[in-house]
Amino acid sequence: MKRINILTVIALVSVLGLAACDAQTATTSVVPTPLSVTPTATSQPTSMQTPTTIASPTFTQTPRPTPVERPVTTPFPAPTSGSAIWQIVFSACPCTPTLASYCPGEQCTASIYTVNSDGTDLRQVVEGKSYAHSPSPSPDGRYLAFEDEREDVSITPTPEERGHGGLVYPRTYLFDLTTGEIMPLGAKRFARCQWFPDGTRLACYAEGDIYVVSLGGAGPIRVTSVAQEAQLCAFDLSPDGERIVYVEENPALSEPRDLNIYRVDVNGTGLLQLATLPDVRYCGSVQWSPNGEEVFVAASYDSEVSASDLFLIETEEGEVHPIFHSNHNIFTTPRWLADGQHIFFVEYDRERDANAFYIVDRNGVGRTFEITGLGSSIFAGDLLQDQTQFVFALMFGNEADRGGLYVADLETGYWAHVLTDYQVSFDGIATLVSSDWR
């Protein structure tokens, strides 16, 4: 087995969290994964415009009212009766006798699996070569985009691309569920890819900028031109697929630094600086609202106590609204709900060893309840399709939790441990859209 490339992990996230594991073998059926050659795409850089800057209002750190807590119930592992069964796709290493409790620093080969939300029908769909992760199903359910470190018949890595120990830096591949083929997505090392609504293109990170890549090999089109002293840390595609919002750290890797939020058309024109969040310690995430009129940005202002803030920024006027402040761990998996009025996120109180689920509106008002008894922070997860349940994995647990996946009900707070004996990747959980993946 190959060791996970530490530079790859740093490039994707600051820390790779691995869930606890124990010795046990799960029976899976492997889908064939032949390699096929993809034509090398020709880069077509887009001439970058000087961004138009909106006159930002005076920025204040004063948050709006915090959510009103409802009475806290103590959850316990119990499935919610009558819940719909959804399919989950995740990246993980199966536990083996060589993987100790918590598994830090162990060698393993992560692959892509699917399992039902009740823990049934576990299957391996992509065999990883080193570290297959970041699974992302296409809107029509035909393709699964994922990242991996693998030698490729159509692309010969340069010495610089091999990184430490001769390993290949990860790039994005497409797994065709109708043929079982795996093909690289162009010649560049595309990563953090997001599907366009029509399923024919992806917006991806490569070489410090954002590119639009077509499945047919046309392009890629360079969308951004991030300054040399800056670093792109997060981006999101608009619901209509016409624009991209992205967050730039400037200067990169210093502490503190400014977060500059930009909006740009997917052809590289119409660049507009929406806002600046000053003196930030850590860049979190950004997501466009379902109606396309605003985005939220999560950021941390204190790296010592992990204090975090959640902001709404209007995508036309650039007005900034601080809506929530936390004195605890950085927000995990913020998500807009389908109604376009509420945001779901998780925070972790280290002192109390408790995870709290929040559902808040644009004013930061809503409801919250604690998920107790887990023994660690939630570090990866996704909402299931009906948005009534949340599937997640833990950073570290106790020796009895056996890693794997958990599902929590967002109405009652009850949670169930639906899969054990797998150490799940930090960026390794998604839910399936429209295909049964058989």
Protein backbone atom coordinates (compact mmCIF):
# COMPACT_ATOMS: atom_id res chain seq x y z
CA MET A 1 0.00 0.00 0.00
CA LYS A 2 1.08 3.57 -0.61
CA ARG A 3 1.35 6.16 2.13
CA ILE A 4 -1.01 9.14 1.84
CA ASN A 5 0.90 12.09 0.34
CA ILE A 6 1.19 14.65 3.13
CA LEU A 7 1.50 17.56 0.68
CA THR A 8 -1.68 16.43 -1.02
CA VAL A 9 -3.55 16.48 2.24
CA ILE A 10 -2.22 19.93 3.11
CA ALA A 11 -3.29 21.22 -0.32
CA LEU A 12 -6.82 19.94 0.18
CA VAL A 13 -7.38 20.66 3.85
CA SER A 14 -5.22 21.73 6.74
CA VAL A 15 -5.79 18.49 8.60
CA LEU A 16 -6.92 15.09 7.42
CA GLY A 17 -9.27 13.67 10.04
CA LEU A 18 -9.58 9.92 10.26
CA ALA A 19 -12.29 8.11 12.19
CA ALA A 20 -11.51 5.37 14.71
CA CYS A 21 -11.10 1.82 13.50
CA ASP A 22 -10.85 -1.75 14.78
CA ALA A 23 -10.17 -5.11 13.19
CA GLN A 24 -13.00 -6.47 11.07
CA THR A 25 -13.50 -7.32 7.38
CA ALA A 26 -16.51 -6.22 5.33
CA THR A 27 -17.63 -8.11 2.24
CA THR A 28 -17.93 -5.95 -0.85
CA SER A 29 -18.23 -6.48 -4.59
CA VAL A 30 -15.77 -4.52 -6.71
CA VAL A 31 -16.84 -2.76 -9.89
CA PRO A 32 -14.26 -3.18 -12.70
CA THR A 33 -12.22 -0.04 -13.28
CA PRO A 34 -10.41 -0.16 -16.64
CA LEU A 35 -8.50 2.92 -17.72
CA SER A 36 -9.32 4.75 -20.94
CA VAL A 37 -7.49 7.52 -22.72
CA THR A 38 -8.95 11.03 -22.64
CA PRO A 39 -7.84 13.59 -25.26
CA THR A 40 -5.52 16.22 -23.80
CA ALA A 41 -7.46 19.46 -23.44
CA THR A 42 -5.97 22.64 -24.83
CA SER A 43 -5.78 25.47 -22.33
CA GLN A 44 -7.54 28.64 -23.45
CA PRO A 45 -6.68 31.37 -20.94
CA THR A 46 -9.29 34.07 -20.64
CA SER A 47 -8.20 37.66 -20.52
CA MET A 48 -8.80 38.82 -16.95
CA GLN A 49 -10.51 42.11 -16.26
CA THR A 50 -9.64 44.52 -13.49
CA PRO A 51 -12.32 43.80 -10.91
CA THR A 52 -15.01 46.36 -10.28
CA THR A 53 -15.08 47.09 -6.57
CA ILE A 54 -18.29 47.76 -4.71
CA ALA A 55 -18.08 50.48 -2.10
CA SER A 56 -18.32 48.27 0.96
CA PRO A 57 -20.29 49.49 3.97
CA THR A 58 -18.51 49.90 7.28
CA PHE A 59 -17.70 46.41 8.52
CA THR A 60 -18.60 45.54 12.07
CA GLN A 61 -17.98 42.40 14.08
CA THR A 62 -21.27 42.72 15.94
CA PRO A 63 -23.38 39.64 15.20
CA ARG A 64 -27.14 39.59 15.01
CA PRO A 65 -29.09 37.70 17.68
CA THR A 66 -27.92 34.16 18.29
CA PRO A 67 -30.33 31.23 17.84
CA VAL A 68 -32.89 30.54 20.51
CA GLU A 69 -32.18 27.18 22.07
CA ARG A 70 -34.99 24.72 22.36
CA PRO A 71 -34.98 22.26 25.25
CA VAL A 72 -32.08 19.85 24.85
CA THR A 73 -32.87 16.16 24.79
CA THR A 74 -30.17 13.56 25.31
CA PRO A 75 -29.93 11.58 22.06
CA PHE A 76 -29.20 7.88 22.02
CA PRO A 77 -28.47 5.42 19.21
CA ALA A 78 -31.94 4.66 17.87
CA PRO A 79 -33.09 4.64 14.23
CA THR A 80 -36.00 6.89 13.38
CA SER A 81 -38.93 4.73 12.28
CA GLY A 82 -40.34 5.35 8.83
CA SER A 83 -37.31 7.30 7.60
CA ALA A 84 -36.51 7.15 3.89
CA ILE A 85 -33.45 5.13 2.85
CA TRP A 86 -30.85 7.09 0.91
CA GLN A 87 -27.58 6.05 -0.70
CA ILE A 88 -24.33 7.47 0.62
CA VAL A 89 -21.04 7.57 -1.30
CA PHE A 90 -17.91 7.88 0.80
CA SER A 91 -14.13 7.59 0.74
CA ALA A 92 -12.52 5.35 3.36
CA CYS A 93 -9.95 2.73 4.25
CA PRO A 94 -11.32 -0.60 5.54
CA CYS A 95 -9.89 -1.47 8.92
CA THR A 96 -7.28 -4.21 9.08
CA PRO A 97 -5.34 -5.78 11.96
CA THR A 98 -2.45 -3.40 11.18
CA LEU A 99 -4.58 -0.29 11.76
CA ALA A 100 -4.47 0.65 15.42
CA SER A 101 -7.14 2.58 17.31
CA TYR A 102 -7.54 6.10 15.84
CA CYS A 103 -5.22 5.05 12.98
CA PRO A 104 -2.96 8.16 12.90
CA GLY A 105 -0.03 7.84 10.53
CA GLU A 106 -0.99 4.38 9.36
CA GLN A 107 -0.63 3.26 5.79
CA CYS A 108 -3.85 2.54 3.95
CA THR A 109 -5.40 2.72 0.51
CA ALA A 110 -8.63 4.71 0.45
CA SER A 111 -11.32 3.60 -2.03
CA ILE A 112 -14.83 4.84 -2.88
CA TYR A 113 -17.81 2.95 -1.43
CA THR A 114 -21.58 3.23 -1.35
CA VAL A 115 -23.91 2.17 1.44
CA ASN A 116 -27.55 2.75 2.31
CA SER A 117 -28.33 5.21 5.09
CA ASP A 118 -29.49 2.28 7.26
CA GLY A 119 -26.09 0.58 6.86
CA THR A 120 -27.20 -2.07 4.34
CA ASP A 121 -25.82 -2.93 0.89
CA LEU A 122 -22.19 -1.84 1.35
CA ARG A 123 -20.31 -1.91 -1.96
CA GLN A 124 -16.94 -0.76 -3.32
CA VAL A 125 -17.44 1.17 -6.55
CA VAL A 126 -13.93 2.56 -7.19
CA GLU A 127 -10.73 0.85 -6.10
CA GLY A 128 -8.30 3.52 -5.00
CA LYS A 129 -4.68 3.35 -6.09
CA SER A 130 -3.41 5.45 -3.20
CA TYR A 131 -5.98 7.86 -1.79
CA ALA A 132 -9.28 8.03 -3.70
CA HIS A 133 -11.33 10.80 -2.14
CA SER A 134 -13.70 13.78 -2.73
CA PRO A 135 -16.45 11.75 -4.46
CA SER A 136 -18.92 13.93 -6.39
CA PRO A 137 -21.81 12.36 -8.39
CA SER A 138 -22.93 14.09 -11.59
CA PRO A 139 -26.50 15.50 -11.64
CA ASP A 140 -27.70 12.74 -13.98
CA GLY A 141 -26.06 10.02 -11.89
CA ARG A 142 -23.91 8.69 -14.75
CA TYR A 143 -20.48 9.84 -13.57
CA LEU A 144 -18.64 9.96 -10.29
CA ALA A 145 -15.85 12.52 -10.11
CA PHE A 146 -13.14 11.74 -7.56
CA GLU A 147 -9.50 12.53 -6.81
CA ASP A 148 -6.70 9.99 -6.55
CA GLU A 149 -2.95 9.54 -6.79
CA ARG A 150 -2.42 7.02 -9.60
CA GLU A 151 -0.16 6.43 -12.57
CA ASP A 152 -2.07 7.00 -15.76
CA VAL A 153 -1.69 5.56 -19.25
CA SER A 154 -2.50 8.88 -20.94
CA ILE A 155 -0.63 11.29 -18.67
CA THR A 156 3.04 10.93 -17.69
CA PRO A 157 3.66 12.90 -14.48
CA THR A 158 6.60 15.30 -14.48
CA PRO A 159 9.19 15.02 -11.68
CA GLU A 160 7.60 18.08 -10.05
CA GLU A 161 4.19 16.40 -10.11
CA ARG A 162 5.47 13.36 -8.27
CA GLY A 163 6.10 15.22 -5.04
CA HIS A 164 7.81 13.62 -2.04
CA GLY A 165 8.60 9.92 -2.26
CA GLY A 166 7.85 9.79 -5.98
CA LEU A 167 4.09 9.81 -5.44
CA VAL A 168 1.83 11.52 -7.95
CA TYR A 169 -0.10 14.59 -6.83
CA PRO A 170 -3.85 13.91 -6.96
CA ARG A 171 -5.93 14.83 -9.97
CA THR A 172 -9.61 14.39 -10.77
CA TYR A 173 -10.89 11.29 -12.54
CA LEU A 174 -14.33 10.34 -13.85
CA PHE A 175 -15.84 6.94 -13.17
CA ASP A 176 -18.47 6.07 -15.80
CA LEU A 177 -21.15 4.02 -14.09
CA THR A 178 -22.56 2.75 -17.39
CA THR A 179 -19.27 1.29 -18.64
CA GLY A 180 -17.11 0.90 -15.54
CA GLU A 181 -14.36 3.00 -17.14
CA ILE A 182 -12.13 5.45 -15.27
CA MET A 183 -10.67 8.36 -17.21
CA PRO A 184 -8.64 11.44 -16.18
CA LEU A 185 -10.38 14.80 -16.46
CA GLY A 186 -7.92 16.48 -18.83
CA ALA A 187 -4.19 16.96 -18.50
CA LYS A 188 -4.09 19.41 -15.60
CA ARG A 189 -4.21 18.42 -11.94
CA PHE A 190 -7.83 19.48 -11.47
CA ALA A 191 -9.15 19.31 -7.90
CA ARG A 192 -12.12 20.40 -5.74
CA CYS A 193 -14.38 20.04 -8.80
CA GLN A 194 -18.07 21.03 -8.79
CA TRP A 195 -20.61 19.90 -11.37
CA PHE A 196 -22.58 22.37 -13.49
CA PRO A 197 -26.37 21.84 -13.29
CA ASP A 198 -26.47 20.34 -16.81
CA GLY A 199 -23.81 17.74 -15.93
CA THR A 200 -21.66 18.49 -19.00
CA ARG A 201 -18.98 20.65 -17.33
CA LEU A 202 -17.15 21.01 -14.04
CA ALA A 203 -15.65 24.03 -12.29
CA CYS A 204 -12.28 22.96 -10.86
CA TYR A 205 -9.27 24.30 -9.02
CA ALA A 206 -5.88 23.97 -10.76
CA GLU A 207 -2.55 25.82 -10.58
CA GLY A 208 -3.95 28.36 -8.14
CA ASP A 209 -6.97 29.36 -10.25
CA ILE A 210 -10.45 28.17 -11.26
CA TYR A 211 -11.04 26.49 -14.62
CA VAL A 212 -14.18 25.31 -16.42
CA VAL A 213 -13.68 21.83 -17.90
CA SER A 214 -16.00 20.13 -20.38
CA LEU A 215 -16.54 16.37 -20.44
CA GLY A 216 -15.92 16.30 -24.17
CA GLY A 217 -12.39 17.65 -23.81
CA ALA A 218 -13.01 21.23 -25.00
CA GLY A 219 -11.15 23.95 -23.12
CA PRO A 220 -10.35 24.15 -20.29
CA ILE A 221 -11.30 27.81 -19.81
CA ARG A 222 -9.39 29.75 -17.18
CA VAL A 223 -11.88 31.80 -15.17
CA THR A 224 -9.76 33.57 -12.52
CA SER A 225 -6.35 35.17 -12.22
CA VAL A 226 -5.48 35.14 -8.53
CA ALA A 227 -2.68 37.50 -7.52
CA GLN A 228 0.71 35.93 -6.89
CA GLU A 229 0.80 37.00 -3.23
CA ALA A 230 -2.74 35.68 -2.65
CA GLN A 231 -4.31 32.24 -2.51
CA LEU A 232 -7.74 30.98 -3.57
CA CYS A 233 -9.17 29.11 -0.59
CA ALA A 234 -12.84 28.41 -1.44
CA PHE A 235 -15.29 28.77 -4.32
CA ASP A 236 -18.86 27.84 -5.28
CA LEU A 237 -20.84 27.67 -8.52
CA SER A 238 -24.13 29.60 -8.70
CA PRO A 239 -27.39 27.59 -8.89
CA ASP A 240 -27.92 28.57 -12.54
CA GLY A 241 -24.33 27.73 -13.49
CA GLU A 242 -23.66 31.26 -14.79
CA ARG A 243 -21.36 32.68 -12.10
CA ILE A 244 -18.75 31.66 -9.56
CA VAL A 245 -18.11 33.21 -6.17
CA TYR A 246 -14.66 32.69 -4.69
CA VAL A 247 -12.69 33.63 -1.59
CA GLU A 248 -9.09 34.80 -1.79
CA GLU A 249 -6.66 34.97 1.14
CA ASN A 250 -4.32 37.96 0.88
CA PRO A 251 -1.52 37.71 1.74
CA ALA A 252 -1.51 33.93 1.55
CA LEU A 253 -0.71 31.87 4.66
CA SER A 254 0.01 34.92 6.82
CA GLU A 255 -1.85 35.42 10.08
CA PRO A 256 -4.03 37.37 10.17
CA ARG A 257 -4.94 38.10 6.56
CA ASP A 258 -7.83 39.59 4.61
CA LEU A 259 -10.47 37.50 2.88
CA ASN A 260 -11.50 39.08 -0.42
CA ILE A 261 -14.78 37.79 -1.85
CA TYR A 262 -15.23 38.00 -5.64
CA ARG A 263 -17.98 37.21 -8.13
CA VAL A 264 -17.14 36.35 -11.75
CA ASP A 265 -18.95 34.99 -14.81
CA VAL A 266 -17.98 31.44 -15.80
CA ASN A 267 -16.36 32.73 -19.01
CA GLY A 268 -13.96 34.88 -16.96
CA THR A 269 -15.68 38.24 -17.55
CA GLY A 270 -17.62 40.49 -15.19
CA LEU A 271 -15.18 40.22 -12.29
CA LEU A 272 -16.57 42.04 -9.24
CA GLN A 273 -15.14 42.33 -5.73
CA LEU A 274 -18.09 41.94 -3.39
CA ALA A 275 -16.50 42.47 0.01
CA THR A 276 -13.45 42.14 2.25
CA LEU A 277 -13.43 40.46 5.65
CA PRO A 278 -10.36 41.89 7.45
CA ASP A 279 -7.93 40.26 9.86
CA VAL A 280 -9.15 36.68 9.47
CA ARG A 281 -7.18 33.77 10.94
CA TYR A 282 -8.62 30.93 8.88
CA CYS A 283 -10.64 30.67 5.67
CA GLY A 284 -13.65 28.41 6.04
CA SER A 285 -16.17 27.91 3.24
CA VAL A 286 -18.53 29.70 0.87
CA GLN A 287 -21.88 28.67 -0.60
CA TRP A 288 -24.34 30.36 -2.91
CA SER A 289 -27.96 30.62 -1.74
CA PRO A 290 -30.60 28.68 -3.75
CA ASN A 291 -32.05 31.94 -5.13
CA GLY A 292 -28.61 33.22 -6.16
CA GLU A 293 -29.03 36.54 -4.35
CA GLU A 294 -26.49 36.02 -1.54
CA VAL A 295 -23.74 33.77 -0.30
CA PHE A 296 -22.61 32.78 3.15
CA VAL A 297 -18.96 32.79 4.16
CA ALA A 298 -17.62 31.01 7.25
CA ALA A 299 -14.35 32.29 8.71
CA SER A 300 -12.34 32.06 11.92
CA TYR A 301 -11.02 35.08 13.80
CA ASP A 302 -9.14 33.37 16.62
CA SER A 303 -6.98 30.32 15.93
CA GLU A 304 -6.32 29.73 19.64
CA VAL A 305 -9.92 29.11 20.70
CA SER A 306 -11.28 28.45 17.18
CA ALA A 307 -13.84 31.26 17.43
CA SER A 308 -15.79 31.43 14.19
CA ASP A 309 -18.20 33.73 12.40
CA LEU A 310 -20.82 33.23 9.72
CA PHE A 311 -21.62 36.06 7.28
CA LEU A 312 -24.19 36.69 4.57
CA ILE A 313 -22.97 38.74 1.59
CA GLU A 314 -25.32 40.05 -1.08
CA THR A 315 -24.16 39.07 -4.58
CA GLU A 316 -25.30 42.32 -6.26
CA GLU A 317 -24.74 45.05 -3.69
CA GLY A 318 -21.97 43.37 -1.68
CA GLU A 319 -23.51 44.27 1.66
CA VAL A 320 -22.09 42.21 4.54
CA HIS A 321 -24.32 40.87 7.34
CA PRO A 322 -22.66 39.09 10.30
CA ILE A 323 -25.31 36.58 11.40
CA PHE A 324 -23.67 34.18 13.84
CA HIS A 325 -20.70 34.02 16.19
CA SER A 326 -19.31 30.92 17.87
CA ASN A 327 -16.66 30.72 20.58
CA HIS A 328 -16.03 27.08 19.74
CA ASN A 329 -14.70 24.99 16.88
CA ILE A 330 -14.85 26.13 13.27
CA PHE A 331 -18.19 25.40 11.60
CA THR A 332 -18.41 21.97 10.05
CA THR A 333 -20.32 21.47 6.79
CA PRO A 334 -22.43 24.65 6.54
CA ARG A 335 -25.26 24.08 4.05
CA TRP A 336 -28.15 26.11 2.70
CA LEU A 337 -31.43 24.28 3.08
CA ALA A 338 -33.63 23.90 0.00
CA ASP A 339 -36.09 26.56 1.21
CA GLY A 340 -33.37 29.17 0.72
CA GLN A 341 -34.20 30.68 4.11
CA HIS A 342 -32.15 28.58 6.52
CA ILE A 343 -28.56 27.41 6.96
CA PHE A 344 -27.49 24.18 8.66
CA PHE A 345 -24.12 23.82 10.37
CA VAL A 346 -22.33 22.02 13.18
CA GLU A 347 -20.04 23.35 15.91
CA TYR A 348 -17.95 21.47 18.45
CA ASP A 349 -17.41 22.53 22.07
CA ARG A 350 -14.07 21.01 23.04
CA GLU A 351 -14.43 21.68 26.75
CA ARG A 352 -17.81 19.95 26.98
CA ASP A 353 -17.05 17.37 24.25
CA ALA A 354 -20.39 18.11 22.57
CA ASN A 355 -21.46 18.65 18.96
CA ALA A 356 -24.30 21.10 18.36
CA PHE A 357 -26.52 21.15 15.28
CA TYR A 358 -27.88 24.55 14.21
CA ILE A 359 -30.60 25.54 11.73
CA VAL A 360 -30.74 29.35 11.54
CA ASP A 361 -32.35 31.98 9.30
CA ARG A 362 -30.80 35.11 7.77
CA ASN A 363 -30.90 36.81 11.17
CA GLY A 364 -29.04 34.00 12.91
CA VAL A 365 -32.23 32.98 14.72
CA GLY A 366 -33.42 29.41 14.78
CA ARG A 367 -33.05 26.22 16.74
CA THR A 368 -30.21 24.10 18.03
CA PHE A 369 -29.73 20.81 19.80
CA GLU A 370 -26.74 18.84 21.00
CA ILE A 371 -25.49 15.50 19.76
CA THR A 372 -23.86 13.95 22.81
CA GLY A 373 -22.13 10.67 23.55
CA LEU A 374 -19.93 10.61 20.44
CA GLY A 375 -16.61 11.26 22.19
CA SER A 376 -15.19 13.43 19.41
CA SER A 377 -15.91 16.23 16.95
CA ILE A 378 -17.81 15.72 13.71
CA PHE A 379 -15.39 16.50 10.88
CA ALA A 380 -17.08 15.38 7.64
CA GLY A 381 -20.68 14.99 6.58
CA ASP A 382 -23.52 15.78 4.22
CA LEU A 383 -27.28 16.26 4.34
CA LEU A 384 -29.29 13.40 2.90
CA GLN A 385 -31.56 14.21 -0.03
CA ASP A 386 -34.73 15.05 1.92
CA GLN A 387 -32.67 17.21 4.32
CA THR A 388 -34.18 15.56 7.37
CA GLN A 389 -31.04 13.57 8.20
CA PHE A 390 -27.31 14.24 8.35
CA VAL A 391 -24.66 11.58 7.67
CA PHE A 392 -21.26 12.18 9.28
CA ALA A 393 -17.96 10.77 10.50
CA LEU A 394 -15.90 11.58 13.61
CA MET A 395 -12.43 13.05 13.95
CA PHE A 396 -11.46 10.62 16.70
CA GLY A 397 -13.68 8.47 18.85
CA ASN A 398 -13.28 6.03 21.68
CA GLU A 399 -11.94 2.53 21.05
CA ALA A 400 -15.44 1.08 20.98
CA ASP A 401 -16.92 3.27 18.25
CA ARG A 402 -15.14 1.36 15.42
CA GLY A 403 -15.08 4.29 12.98
CA GLY A 404 -17.45 4.33 10.03
CA LEU A 405 -20.57 6.44 9.49
CA TYR A 406 -23.32 7.89 11.65
CA VAL A 407 -26.76 9.21 10.70
CA ALA A 408 -28.59 11.80 12.84
CA ASP A 409 -32.22 12.90 12.59
CA LEU A 410 -32.43 16.71 12.37
CA GLU A 411 -35.82 16.88 14.06
CA THR A 412 -35.27 14.65 17.09
CA GLY A 413 -31.48 14.63 17.42
CA TYR A 414 -31.43 10.83 17.64
CA TRP A 415 -28.43 9.28 15.97
CA ALA A 416 -27.44 5.80 14.86
CA HIS A 417 -24.06 4.23 14.10
CA VAL A 418 -24.91 2.71 10.72
CA LEU A 419 -21.47 1.50 9.54
CA THR A 420 -18.37 0.40 11.46
CA ASP A 421 -14.79 -0.64 10.67
CA TYR A 422 -13.93 2.03 8.10
CA GLN A 423 -11.76 5.13 8.59
CA VAL A 424 -13.54 7.80 6.59
CA SER A 425 -11.61 10.54 4.76
CA PHE A 426 -11.89 14.17 5.80
CA ASP A 427 -13.47 15.20 2.48
CA GLY A 428 -15.01 11.84 1.74
CA ILE A 429 -18.82 11.94 2.16
CA ALA A 430 -21.56 12.78 -0.35
CA THR A 431 -25.07 11.57 -1.10
CA LEU A 432 -26.29 10.15 -4.38
CA VAL A 433 -28.66 12.04 -6.61
CA SER A 434 -30.61 10.01 -9.16
CA SER A 435 -28.89 6.72 -9.95
CA ASP A 436 -29.23 3.40 -8.14
CA TRP A 437 -25.53 2.69 -8.96
CA ARG A 438 -26.17 -0.96 -9.82
